[in-house]
Amino acid sequence: MRLIPGRKPELVVVTGAGSGIGRAIAIQFAKGGAEVVASDLDLSTAQETAEIIHKKGYRAVGFQLDVTDPAAWERFADQVRAEYGVADVLVNNAGILVGGRFFDLEQQHWEKQFQVNVFGVAYGGKVFGKQMAERGRGGQIVNIASAGAITPTPVFPAYSASKAAVKMLSECMRMELGPKGIGVSAVCPGFINTNIGVNATVAGLDVSDDMRERANNIMRTIQSSAPMRVLDNLIGPPQVARATVRAARYNFAVAPVRPEAWLGYFLSRLLPGLNRHFMYPIPYWLGLDIDTLMPRVQRLVDNLTERASAPAQQQPVEQVKP
């Protein structure tokens, strides 16, 4: 790492490490020789990530952490320092997706989105950044943003706004913490094959828990299929993990991941007017505007839910005569 000359990071903390991108990041740093503290709101998935890393012959431990709770961050950081030392790298990866048209979004949607995606990053950067500064040996904070931070997206105003906030927060932190020897990077992935969409909250769209669980099962089946395993390095979490390790090592300010993210990044700087229309026409390619599309999606979800919950038709059993 640039800010820790002559040595690789020895201790890396990753939030949202129970699955997807967070798990891949934890594994990638562990492969590089770091001891990894994998945290997640769900302790069992964090421990599962640690177990996967152990089976590969590397070091990791799982912790439970609610990134929306400042007091939980304080306890977590103190425990990590007491048991393992001061982290060399903090990766703020935990995030959720709240979708929905702007007019459908209510106060609770905005609060839920920003509490996890923005406030969690701020809380974590503060407590671990302070420890790095007090140690006086530098460090790196990597915040996982999104291509949505640089390219406007319809039906995702809350998510895109939260990720844009993460990107700008990262740049502000970079200016303040740089003189203390602490680098700050924002990683902006494009389209990545994870479960974030399946687990999303969508304002104006009613999805039952049963339908969400069925969608999760379908997604897990698809992700474990042979074709998707082949494509994993191209559109899967490992690509983001490698970019995150590079961002930490070279102290990149912004690190887009995948071609569409790079395209949005350059358009936002060179042709912002074009960038604003880059994603907007998509519903119109289907011959729909957003106000027409969302009710149709709801009818589809309702139809699938009704079919899934309906009892199977009883077929008459043919009697076999002796």
Protein backbone atom coordinates (compact mmCIF):
# COMPACT_ATOMS: atom_id res chain seq x y z
CA MET A 1 0.00 0.00 0.00
CA ARG A 2 1.20 3.47 -0.80
CA LEU A 3 0.46 4.77 2.69
CA ILE A 4 2.13 1.84 4.45
CA PRO A 5 5.44 1.64 2.57
CA GLY A 6 7.13 -1.69 2.17
CA ARG A 7 4.41 -3.96 3.49
CA LYS A 8 1.02 -5.36 2.64
CA PRO A 9 -2.01 -4.72 4.85
CA GLU A 10 -1.97 -7.04 7.84
CA LEU A 11 -5.49 -6.45 9.14
CA VAL A 12 -8.51 -5.66 6.94
CA VAL A 13 -12.06 -4.97 8.13
CA VAL A 14 -14.92 -5.53 5.66
CA THR A 15 -18.57 -4.68 6.29
CA GLY A 16 -21.43 -6.45 4.56
CA ALA A 17 -19.09 -9.41 4.17
CA GLY A 18 -21.74 -12.10 4.57
CA SER A 19 -22.36 -12.50 0.85
CA GLY A 20 -21.79 -11.11 -2.62
CA ILE A 21 -19.26 -8.35 -3.11
CA GLY A 22 -18.35 -8.12 0.58
CA ARG A 23 -17.54 -11.82 0.79
CA ALA A 24 -15.46 -11.65 -2.40
CA ILE A 25 -13.53 -8.65 -1.03
CA ALA A 26 -12.82 -10.47 2.23
CA ILE A 27 -11.54 -13.52 0.34
CA GLN A 28 -9.38 -11.40 -1.99
CA PHE A 29 -7.63 -9.59 0.87
CA ALA A 30 -7.15 -12.88 2.73
CA LYS A 31 -5.47 -14.37 -0.34
CA GLY A 32 -3.04 -11.44 -0.20
CA GLY A 33 -1.98 -12.44 3.30
CA ALA A 34 -4.15 -10.16 5.42
CA GLU A 35 -6.11 -11.25 8.45
CA VAL A 36 -9.72 -10.35 7.70
CA VAL A 37 -12.46 -9.23 10.06
CA ALA A 38 -15.66 -10.03 8.16
CA SER A 39 -18.70 -8.26 9.59
CA ASP A 40 -22.35 -8.43 8.66
CA LEU A 41 -25.75 -7.68 10.16
CA ASP A 42 -26.32 -11.46 10.02
CA LEU A 43 -23.65 -13.06 12.22
CA SER A 44 -24.14 -16.51 10.68
CA THR A 45 -23.27 -15.30 7.18
CA ALA A 46 -20.21 -13.40 8.47
CA GLN A 47 -19.03 -16.57 10.19
CA GLU A 48 -19.72 -18.52 7.00
CA THR A 49 -17.42 -16.14 5.10
CA ALA A 50 -14.73 -16.63 7.75
CA GLU A 51 -15.12 -20.41 7.46
CA ILE A 52 -14.75 -20.26 3.66
CA ILE A 53 -11.53 -18.29 4.12
CA HIS A 54 -10.27 -20.77 6.74
CA LYS A 55 -10.86 -23.67 4.35
CA LYS A 56 -8.70 -21.90 1.78
CA GLY A 57 -5.89 -21.76 4.32
CA TYR A 58 -6.15 -18.08 5.23
CA ARG A 59 -7.11 -16.12 8.36
CA ALA A 60 -10.48 -14.54 9.12
CA VAL A 61 -13.03 -14.03 11.86
CA GLY A 62 -16.73 -13.18 11.67
CA PHE A 63 -18.47 -10.40 13.62
CA GLN A 64 -22.01 -9.08 13.84
CA LEU A 65 -22.39 -5.37 13.07
CA ASP A 66 -25.33 -3.06 12.46
CA VAL A 67 -23.73 -0.27 10.43
CA THR A 68 -26.63 2.10 11.17
CA ASP A 69 -25.80 2.14 14.90
CA PRO A 70 -22.95 4.53 15.89
CA ALA A 71 -22.61 2.89 19.32
CA ALA A 72 -22.28 -0.53 17.68
CA TRP A 73 -19.48 0.86 15.51
CA GLU A 74 -17.64 2.12 18.60
CA ARG A 75 -17.92 -1.25 20.36
CA PHE A 76 -16.91 -3.10 17.21
CA ALA A 77 -13.84 -0.93 16.56
CA ASP A 78 -12.73 -1.17 20.19
CA GLN A 79 -13.08 -4.95 20.18
CA VAL A 80 -11.17 -5.31 16.91
CA ARG A 81 -8.34 -3.14 18.24
CA ALA A 82 -8.22 -5.00 21.57
CA GLU A 83 -8.15 -8.46 19.99
CA TYR A 84 -6.36 -7.93 16.66
CA GLY A 85 -4.85 -4.45 16.59
CA VAL A 86 -5.57 -1.37 14.49
CA ALA A 87 -6.93 -2.08 11.02
CA ASP A 88 -4.75 -1.20 8.05
CA VAL A 89 -7.73 -1.17 5.69
CA LEU A 90 -11.44 -0.56 6.27
CA VAL A 91 -13.81 -1.49 3.44
CA ASN A 92 -17.25 0.07 3.87
CA ASN A 93 -19.21 -2.30 1.66
CA ALA A 94 -22.52 -2.80 3.48
CA GLY A 95 -25.36 -1.44 1.40
CA ILE A 96 -29.00 -1.93 0.42
CA LEU A 97 -31.17 -0.99 -2.54
CA VAL A 98 -34.36 1.03 -2.22
CA GLY A 99 -36.04 1.49 -5.58
CA GLY A 100 -39.22 3.14 -6.75
CA ARG A 101 -40.43 6.18 -8.62
CA PHE A 102 -39.65 9.53 -7.00
CA PHE A 103 -43.35 10.24 -6.29
CA ASP A 104 -43.73 6.83 -4.61
CA LEU A 105 -40.83 7.30 -2.18
CA GLU A 106 -41.84 8.18 1.37
CA GLN A 107 -39.78 9.42 4.31
CA GLN A 108 -39.10 5.89 5.57
CA HIS A 109 -37.67 4.88 2.20
CA TRP A 110 -35.19 7.75 2.15
CA GLU A 111 -34.21 7.18 5.77
CA LYS A 112 -33.69 3.44 5.29
CA GLN A 113 -31.56 4.00 2.19
CA PHE A 114 -29.33 6.68 3.68
CA GLN A 115 -28.97 5.11 7.12
CA VAL A 116 -27.21 2.09 5.63
CA ASN A 117 -25.52 3.42 2.51
CA VAL A 118 -24.34 6.82 3.76
CA PHE A 119 -24.47 7.07 7.54
CA GLY A 120 -22.91 3.62 7.90
CA VAL A 121 -19.96 4.75 5.79
CA ALA A 122 -19.57 7.95 7.83
CA TYR A 123 -19.73 6.16 11.19
CA GLY A 124 -17.23 3.49 10.15
CA GLY A 125 -14.82 5.93 8.55
CA LYS A 126 -14.82 8.05 11.69
CA VAL A 127 -14.11 5.36 14.29
CA PHE A 128 -11.56 3.38 12.28
CA GLY A 129 -10.03 6.51 10.74
CA LYS A 130 -9.40 7.88 14.23
CA GLN A 131 -7.63 4.68 15.22
CA MET A 132 -5.44 4.84 12.11
CA ALA A 133 -4.58 8.48 12.77
CA GLU A 134 -3.73 7.82 16.44
CA ARG A 135 -1.48 4.93 15.48
CA GLY A 136 0.41 7.22 13.11
CA ARG A 137 1.25 4.55 10.55
CA GLY A 138 -1.28 5.41 7.88
CA GLY A 139 -4.05 3.29 6.45
CA GLN A 140 -6.72 3.12 3.78
CA ILE A 141 -10.49 3.46 3.78
CA VAL A 142 -12.31 2.08 0.73
CA ASN A 143 -15.98 2.97 0.31
CA ILE A 144 -18.03 0.90 -2.12
CA ALA A 145 -20.22 3.32 -4.10
CA SER A 146 -21.78 2.49 -7.48
CA ALA A 147 -21.94 3.51 -11.11
CA GLY A 148 -25.25 4.98 -9.98
CA ALA A 149 -23.19 7.64 -8.21
CA ILE A 150 -22.12 9.05 -11.57
CA THR A 151 -24.97 8.10 -13.92
CA PRO A 152 -28.58 9.12 -13.13
CA THR A 153 -30.97 6.17 -13.12
CA PRO A 154 -34.78 6.27 -13.31
CA VAL A 155 -36.73 4.38 -10.63
CA PHE A 156 -33.65 4.44 -8.36
CA PRO A 157 -33.38 8.08 -7.21
CA ALA A 158 -32.85 7.20 -3.53
CA TYR A 159 -30.18 4.59 -4.29
CA SER A 160 -28.32 6.76 -6.81
CA ALA A 161 -28.46 9.78 -4.50
CA SER A 162 -27.07 7.71 -1.62
CA LYS A 163 -24.20 6.39 -3.73
CA ALA A 164 -23.45 9.87 -5.07
CA ALA A 165 -23.25 10.95 -1.43
CA VAL A 166 -20.80 8.12 -0.72
CA LYS A 167 -18.59 9.22 -3.62
CA MET A 168 -18.54 12.87 -2.51
CA LEU A 169 -18.08 11.89 1.13
CA SER A 170 -15.08 9.80 0.07
CA GLU A 171 -13.54 12.77 -1.73
CA CYS A 172 -14.09 15.03 1.30
CA MET A 173 -12.61 12.41 3.64
CA ARG A 174 -9.67 12.03 1.26
CA MET A 175 -8.84 15.73 1.54
CA GLU A 176 -9.09 15.79 5.34
CA LEU A 177 -7.44 12.47 6.14
CA GLY A 178 -4.71 12.56 3.49
CA PRO A 179 -2.38 14.77 5.58
CA LYS A 180 -2.73 12.19 8.38
CA GLY A 181 -1.43 9.46 6.07
CA ILE A 182 -4.85 7.90 5.46
CA GLY A 183 -5.99 7.33 1.90
CA VAL A 184 -9.66 7.17 0.93
CA SER A 185 -11.03 5.57 -2.23
CA ALA A 186 -14.49 5.22 -3.78
CA VAL A 187 -15.10 2.07 -5.84
CA CYS A 188 -17.96 2.39 -8.34
CA PRO A 189 -19.11 -0.98 -9.71
CA GLY A 190 -21.37 -1.25 -12.73
CA PHE A 191 -23.73 -4.18 -13.31
CA ILE A 192 -22.65 -6.99 -10.97
CA ASN A 193 -24.33 -10.35 -10.41
CA THR A 194 -25.41 -10.17 -6.73
CA ASN A 195 -28.59 -10.55 -4.69
CA ILE A 196 -28.99 -6.85 -3.92
CA GLY A 197 -31.83 -6.47 -6.42
CA VAL A 198 -33.72 -9.51 -5.15
CA ASN A 199 -33.51 -8.22 -1.58
CA ALA A 200 -34.44 -4.66 -2.54
CA THR A 201 -37.27 -2.58 -1.18
CA VAL A 202 -39.29 -1.07 -4.03
CA ALA A 203 -41.67 1.77 -3.18
CA GLY A 204 -44.99 1.38 -4.95
CA LEU A 205 -44.43 -2.34 -5.54
CA ASP A 206 -45.85 -4.90 -3.12
CA VAL A 207 -43.79 -8.11 -3.02
CA SER A 208 -44.63 -10.81 -0.49
CA ASP A 209 -41.96 -12.43 1.69
CA ASP A 210 -42.75 -15.78 0.07
CA MET A 211 -42.22 -14.40 -3.43
CA ARG A 212 -38.98 -12.74 -2.31
CA GLU A 213 -37.72 -16.06 -0.90
CA ARG A 214 -38.64 -17.84 -4.13
CA ALA A 215 -36.74 -15.19 -6.10
CA ASN A 216 -33.74 -15.67 -3.81
CA ASN A 217 -33.81 -19.41 -4.41
CA ILE A 218 -33.99 -18.89 -8.17
CA MET A 219 -31.10 -16.41 -8.00
CA ARG A 220 -28.97 -18.81 -5.96
CA THR A 221 -29.63 -21.57 -8.50
CA ILE A 222 -28.66 -19.29 -11.39
CA GLN A 223 -25.53 -18.05 -9.62
CA SER A 224 -24.36 -21.60 -8.87
CA SER A 225 -24.89 -22.77 -12.46
CA ALA A 226 -21.88 -23.64 -14.58
CA PRO A 227 -22.31 -20.75 -17.09
CA MET A 228 -22.53 -18.17 -14.29
CA ARG A 229 -19.46 -19.59 -12.57
CA VAL A 230 -17.58 -19.13 -15.85
CA LEU A 231 -18.83 -15.54 -16.12
CA ASP A 232 -18.18 -14.77 -12.46
CA ASN A 233 -14.84 -13.12 -13.13
CA LEU A 234 -16.47 -10.82 -15.70
CA ILE A 235 -19.75 -9.81 -14.06
CA GLY A 236 -19.42 -11.29 -10.59
CA PRO A 237 -18.20 -9.99 -7.21
CA PRO A 238 -14.56 -11.15 -7.75
CA GLN A 239 -14.10 -8.36 -10.30
CA VAL A 240 -15.11 -5.76 -7.73
CA ALA A 241 -12.92 -7.46 -5.12
CA ARG A 242 -9.82 -7.19 -7.30
CA ALA A 243 -10.58 -3.54 -8.03
CA THR A 244 -11.00 -2.87 -4.31
CA VAL A 245 -7.61 -4.38 -3.49
CA ARG A 246 -6.01 -2.29 -6.24
CA ALA A 247 -7.74 0.86 -5.00
CA ALA A 248 -6.41 0.22 -1.49
CA ARG A 249 -2.92 -0.56 -2.72
CA TYR A 250 -2.54 2.45 -5.03
CA ASN A 251 -4.84 4.88 -3.18
CA PHE A 252 -7.08 5.54 -6.19
CA ALA A 253 -9.52 8.38 -5.58
CA VAL A 254 -12.25 6.81 -7.74
CA ALA A 255 -12.22 3.32 -9.22
CA PRO A 256 -15.00 2.49 -11.71
CA VAL A 257 -15.54 -1.24 -12.30
CA ARG A 258 -16.76 -2.62 -15.64
CA PRO A 259 -17.09 -0.82 -19.00
CA GLU A 260 -20.49 0.77 -18.30
CA ALA A 261 -19.13 2.33 -15.11
CA TRP A 262 -16.09 3.71 -16.93
CA LEU A 263 -18.35 5.05 -19.70
CA GLY A 264 -20.57 6.81 -17.17
CA TYR A 265 -17.52 8.18 -15.37
CA PHE A 266 -16.04 9.76 -18.49
CA LEU A 267 -19.40 11.01 -19.78
CA SER A 268 -20.12 12.64 -16.42
CA ARG A 269 -16.87 14.59 -16.72
CA LEU A 270 -16.76 15.31 -20.44
CA LEU A 271 -20.38 15.19 -21.68
CA PRO A 272 -22.68 15.49 -18.65
CA GLY A 273 -25.70 16.29 -20.83
CA LEU A 274 -25.31 12.98 -22.68
CA ASN A 275 -24.67 11.14 -19.42
CA ARG A 276 -27.99 12.34 -18.03
CA HIS A 277 -29.80 10.60 -20.91
CA PHE A 278 -27.63 7.48 -20.93
CA MET A 279 -30.01 5.38 -18.80
CA TYR A 280 -33.28 7.27 -19.16
CA PRO A 281 -34.40 5.94 -22.57
CA ILE A 282 -34.44 2.27 -21.44
CA PRO A 283 -38.20 2.10 -20.61
CA TYR A 284 -38.96 3.76 -23.93
CA TRP A 285 -37.09 1.05 -25.82
CA LEU A 286 -39.86 -1.20 -24.49
CA GLY A 287 -42.50 1.22 -25.68
CA LEU A 288 -43.32 2.21 -22.09
CA ASP A 289 -42.89 5.19 -19.87
CA ILE A 290 -42.11 4.68 -16.18
CA ASP A 291 -45.66 5.40 -15.00
CA THR A 292 -46.93 2.66 -17.33
CA LEU A 293 -44.16 0.20 -16.57
CA MET A 294 -44.49 0.04 -12.77
CA PRO A 295 -48.20 -1.00 -12.67
CA ARG A 296 -47.44 -3.73 -15.19
CA VAL A 297 -44.61 -5.01 -13.03
CA GLN A 298 -46.96 -5.05 -10.02
CA ARG A 299 -49.56 -7.06 -11.97
CA LEU A 300 -46.86 -9.55 -12.95
CA VAL A 301 -45.74 -9.93 -9.33
CA ASP A 302 -49.34 -10.39 -8.16
CA ASN A 303 -49.95 -13.01 -10.84
CA LEU A 304 -46.82 -14.95 -9.92
CA THR A 305 -47.68 -14.76 -6.22
CA GLU A 306 -51.20 -16.04 -6.86
CA ARG A 307 -49.94 -18.94 -8.92
CA ALA A 308 -47.26 -19.84 -6.40
CA SER A 309 -49.69 -19.85 -3.48
CA ALA A 310 -52.50 -21.74 -5.24
CA PRO A 311 -52.80 -25.41 -4.23
CA ALA A 312 -51.83 -27.88 -6.88
CA GLN A 313 -54.79 -29.30 -8.75
CA GLN A 314 -55.61 -32.79 -7.68
CA GLN A 315 -55.42 -35.21 -10.56
CA PRO A 316 -57.73 -38.24 -10.47
CA VAL A 317 -55.90 -41.39 -9.52
CA GLU A 318 -56.53 -44.27 -11.88
CA GLN A 319 -57.58 -47.40 -10.08
CA VAL A 320 -55.54 -50.42 -11.03
CA LYS A 321 -57.58 -53.58 -11.01
CA PRO A 322 -55.91 -56.72 -9.73
